[in-house]
Amino acid sequence: MGLVYGKTKFQTADMIAVRSRGPVAWGIRWITDLRNSWAGAWVANHIAFVVRRSNGLCFVYESLGSRGVVTTPLVAWLRKHKDIRIYRPPHLTNAGKKAFKATAEKYEGRKYEHPLDFLKIIFGKNTAGDRRLFCSEYYARCAYEAAALRVVGNNFANITPDYLTDLAERLWERVQ
């Protein structure tokens, strides 16, 4: 049994696109999708995701600028985040969900990219590898391992929240 939010029953690998307030969030949206941000479109500035643990409890996994990769009980996380969209990768098998969860756990405690490295994404030059992870890069690596997402050239470091949200809008199921 999983947590239900609205009409959504969460599953491992559900991607949560977040639109936060504040100058950093606005800057991320503006840098990654200038055209849509100015047009007033919904543009994400953060990506988190759900992992259901063996005890049935759902946790949000995310990479945060101040703390790196962290986990938070889903119920507590939802109390703080209201402007979200939830996407589910299609055709993800139980084996895929296990691979996703294993990859997510492998990166627990990893540091966040240096904030200035975000500027490298604009020019496609972020080559930090997996020593440090942006939020969207963290999700992309887990999804790739679970065969839920294919990234050309395995270039995870240049994937932005907006890129993942655009991909999900076109190819995945939006569940909330």
Protein backbone atom coordinates (compact mmCIF):
# COMPACT_ATOMS: atom_id res chain seq x y z
CA MET A 1 0.00 0.00 0.00
CA GLY A 2 1.36 3.42 -0.91
CA LEU A 3 0.58 6.94 0.07
CA VAL A 4 -2.22 8.59 -1.89
CA TYR A 5 -1.99 12.29 -2.82
CA GLY A 6 -5.04 13.63 -4.60
CA LYS A 7 -5.75 10.72 -6.91
CA THR A 8 -2.14 9.59 -7.03
CA LYS A 9 -0.95 6.38 -5.41
CA PHE A 10 2.81 6.79 -5.38
CA GLN A 11 5.21 4.22 -6.80
CA THR A 12 8.97 3.89 -6.92
CA ALA A 13 10.41 6.04 -9.73
CA ASP A 14 7.56 8.57 -9.77
CA MET A 15 9.24 11.84 -10.72
CA ILE A 16 8.12 14.99 -8.92
CA ALA A 17 8.73 18.24 -10.79
CA VAL A 18 8.72 21.21 -8.43
CA ARG A 19 8.23 24.92 -9.01
CA SER A 20 9.52 26.73 -5.92
CA ARG A 21 9.55 30.39 -5.02
CA GLY A 22 12.58 32.49 -4.35
CA PRO A 23 15.46 33.97 -6.29
CA VAL A 24 17.44 30.75 -6.77
CA ALA A 25 14.38 28.87 -8.05
CA TRP A 26 13.49 31.72 -10.36
CA GLY A 27 17.08 31.85 -11.64
CA ILE A 28 17.12 28.13 -12.42
CA ARG A 29 13.86 28.40 -14.35
CA TRP A 30 15.02 31.49 -16.20
CA ILE A 31 18.39 30.00 -17.17
CA THR A 32 17.06 26.60 -18.27
CA ASP A 33 13.95 27.75 -20.11
CA LEU A 34 14.01 31.46 -20.77
CA ARG A 35 11.35 31.38 -23.49
CA ASN A 36 8.71 29.52 -21.47
CA SER A 37 9.51 31.33 -18.21
CA TRP A 38 8.77 34.70 -19.82
CA ALA A 39 5.60 33.33 -21.45
CA GLY A 40 4.23 32.41 -18.03
CA ALA A 41 4.35 28.65 -18.67
CA TRP A 42 4.77 26.19 -15.80
CA VAL A 43 8.53 25.54 -15.62
CA ALA A 44 10.16 23.27 -13.04
CA ASN A 45 13.25 24.29 -11.10
CA HIS A 46 13.71 21.10 -9.07
CA ILE A 47 13.30 17.34 -9.51
CA ALA A 48 12.70 14.87 -6.72
CA PHE A 49 11.42 11.31 -6.83
CA VAL A 50 9.69 8.62 -4.81
CA VAL A 51 11.12 5.34 -3.57
CA ARG A 52 8.91 2.88 -1.75
CA ARG A 53 10.95 0.99 0.80
CA SER A 54 10.49 -2.67 1.70
CA ASN A 55 8.35 -1.70 4.72
CA GLY A 56 5.87 -0.02 2.33
CA LEU A 57 6.70 3.54 3.37
CA CYS A 58 7.35 6.08 0.62
CA PHE A 59 10.29 8.46 0.77
CA VAL A 60 11.32 11.38 -1.41
CA TYR A 61 14.90 11.28 -2.64
CA GLU A 62 16.46 14.49 -3.90
CA SER A 63 19.74 16.32 -4.27
CA LEU A 64 19.67 19.71 -2.55
CA GLY A 65 22.18 22.51 -2.90
CA SER A 66 22.66 22.87 0.82
CA ARG A 67 22.82 19.19 1.81
CA GLY A 68 23.42 16.98 -1.23
CA VAL A 69 21.44 13.75 -1.64
CA VAL A 70 18.87 13.35 1.13
CA THR A 71 15.71 11.39 1.85
CA THR A 72 12.54 12.66 3.49
CA PRO A 73 9.33 10.81 4.36
CA LEU A 74 6.87 11.59 1.56
CA VAL A 75 4.16 12.81 3.94
CA ALA A 76 6.50 15.42 5.46
CA TRP A 77 7.84 16.43 2.05
CA LEU A 78 4.34 17.02 0.63
CA ARG A 79 3.51 19.37 3.51
CA LYS A 80 6.24 21.73 2.31
CA HIS A 81 5.83 21.50 -1.47
CA LYS A 82 2.57 22.51 -3.11
CA ASP A 83 3.35 23.52 -6.71
CA ILE A 84 4.28 20.10 -8.07
CA ARG A 85 3.61 17.80 -10.99
CA ILE A 86 4.02 14.05 -10.74
CA TYR A 87 5.05 11.86 -13.68
CA ARG A 88 5.35 8.11 -13.99
CA PRO A 89 7.69 6.44 -16.48
CA PRO A 90 5.72 3.98 -18.61
CA HIS A 91 6.33 0.24 -18.72
CA LEU A 92 8.58 0.15 -15.66
CA THR A 93 8.73 -3.45 -14.44
CA ASN A 94 9.23 -4.60 -10.87
CA ALA A 95 12.84 -5.43 -11.78
CA GLY A 96 13.20 -1.89 -13.12
CA LYS A 97 11.83 -0.45 -9.89
CA LYS A 98 14.33 -2.51 -7.89
CA ALA A 99 17.18 -1.25 -10.10
CA PHE A 100 15.93 2.33 -9.68
CA LYS A 101 15.79 1.95 -5.89
CA ALA A 102 19.26 0.35 -5.74
CA THR A 103 20.75 3.19 -7.78
CA ALA A 104 19.01 5.82 -5.64
CA GLU A 105 20.41 4.24 -2.48
CA LYS A 106 23.90 4.00 -4.00
CA TYR A 107 24.04 7.79 -4.28
CA GLU A 108 22.73 8.58 -0.77
CA GLY A 109 25.00 11.08 0.95
CA ARG A 110 26.56 12.31 -2.31
CA LYS A 111 27.26 16.05 -2.42
CA TYR A 112 25.47 18.55 -4.64
CA GLU A 113 27.27 20.05 -7.64
CA HIS A 114 28.99 23.34 -7.01
CA PRO A 115 26.36 26.03 -7.70
CA LEU A 116 28.53 27.66 -10.37
CA ASP A 117 28.65 24.35 -12.24
CA PHE A 118 25.01 25.01 -13.10
CA LEU A 119 26.26 27.66 -15.52
CA LYS A 120 28.22 24.95 -17.34
CA ILE A 121 24.94 23.20 -18.16
CA ILE A 122 23.92 26.13 -20.33
CA PHE A 123 26.91 25.48 -22.56
CA GLY A 124 26.78 21.68 -22.31
CA LYS A 125 30.13 21.61 -20.53
CA ASN A 126 29.31 20.04 -17.17
CA THR A 127 31.57 17.00 -16.87
CA ALA A 128 31.73 16.49 -13.12
CA GLY A 129 30.72 12.83 -13.38
CA ASP A 130 28.86 11.32 -10.44
CA ARG A 131 31.03 12.73 -7.63
CA ARG A 132 28.43 15.46 -7.13
CA LEU A 133 24.87 15.50 -8.41
CA PHE A 134 22.30 18.06 -9.48
CA CYS A 135 18.70 17.10 -8.67
CA SER A 136 17.76 16.32 -12.28
CA GLU A 137 21.02 14.47 -12.86
CA TYR A 138 20.29 12.26 -9.84
CA TYR A 139 16.88 11.27 -11.23
CA ALA A 140 18.28 10.70 -14.73
CA ARG A 141 20.97 8.34 -13.43
CA CYS A 142 18.45 6.28 -11.46
CA ALA A 143 15.98 6.16 -14.34
CA TYR A 144 18.71 5.16 -16.77
CA GLU A 145 19.74 2.23 -14.57
CA ALA A 146 16.10 1.13 -14.38
CA ALA A 147 15.75 1.31 -18.18
CA ALA A 148 13.07 3.97 -17.78
CA LEU A 149 15.07 6.70 -19.51
CA ARG A 150 17.67 6.68 -22.24
CA VAL A 151 20.03 9.62 -22.40
CA VAL A 152 22.05 10.20 -25.55
CA GLY A 153 25.68 9.52 -24.77
CA ASN A 154 24.88 8.95 -21.09
CA ASN A 155 25.46 12.68 -20.53
CA PHE A 156 23.54 12.99 -17.26
CA ALA A 157 25.32 16.10 -16.03
CA ASN A 158 23.67 18.44 -18.55
CA ILE A 159 20.09 17.37 -17.85
CA THR A 160 17.97 20.13 -16.32
CA PRO A 161 14.66 20.00 -14.42
CA ASP A 162 12.99 21.62 -17.41
CA TYR A 163 14.42 19.01 -19.81
CA LEU A 164 13.06 16.14 -17.71
CA THR A 165 9.66 17.80 -17.31
CA ASP A 166 9.38 18.42 -21.07
CA LEU A 167 10.32 14.80 -21.74
CA ALA A 168 7.80 13.53 -19.19
CA GLU A 169 5.01 15.74 -20.60
CA ARG A 170 5.53 14.21 -24.04
CA LEU A 171 6.29 10.57 -23.25
CA TRP A 172 5.19 9.65 -19.74
CA GLU A 173 1.98 9.54 -17.78
CA ARG A 174 1.22 12.63 -15.73
CA VAL A 175 -0.46 11.29 -12.62
CA GLN A 176 -1.00 14.54 -10.72
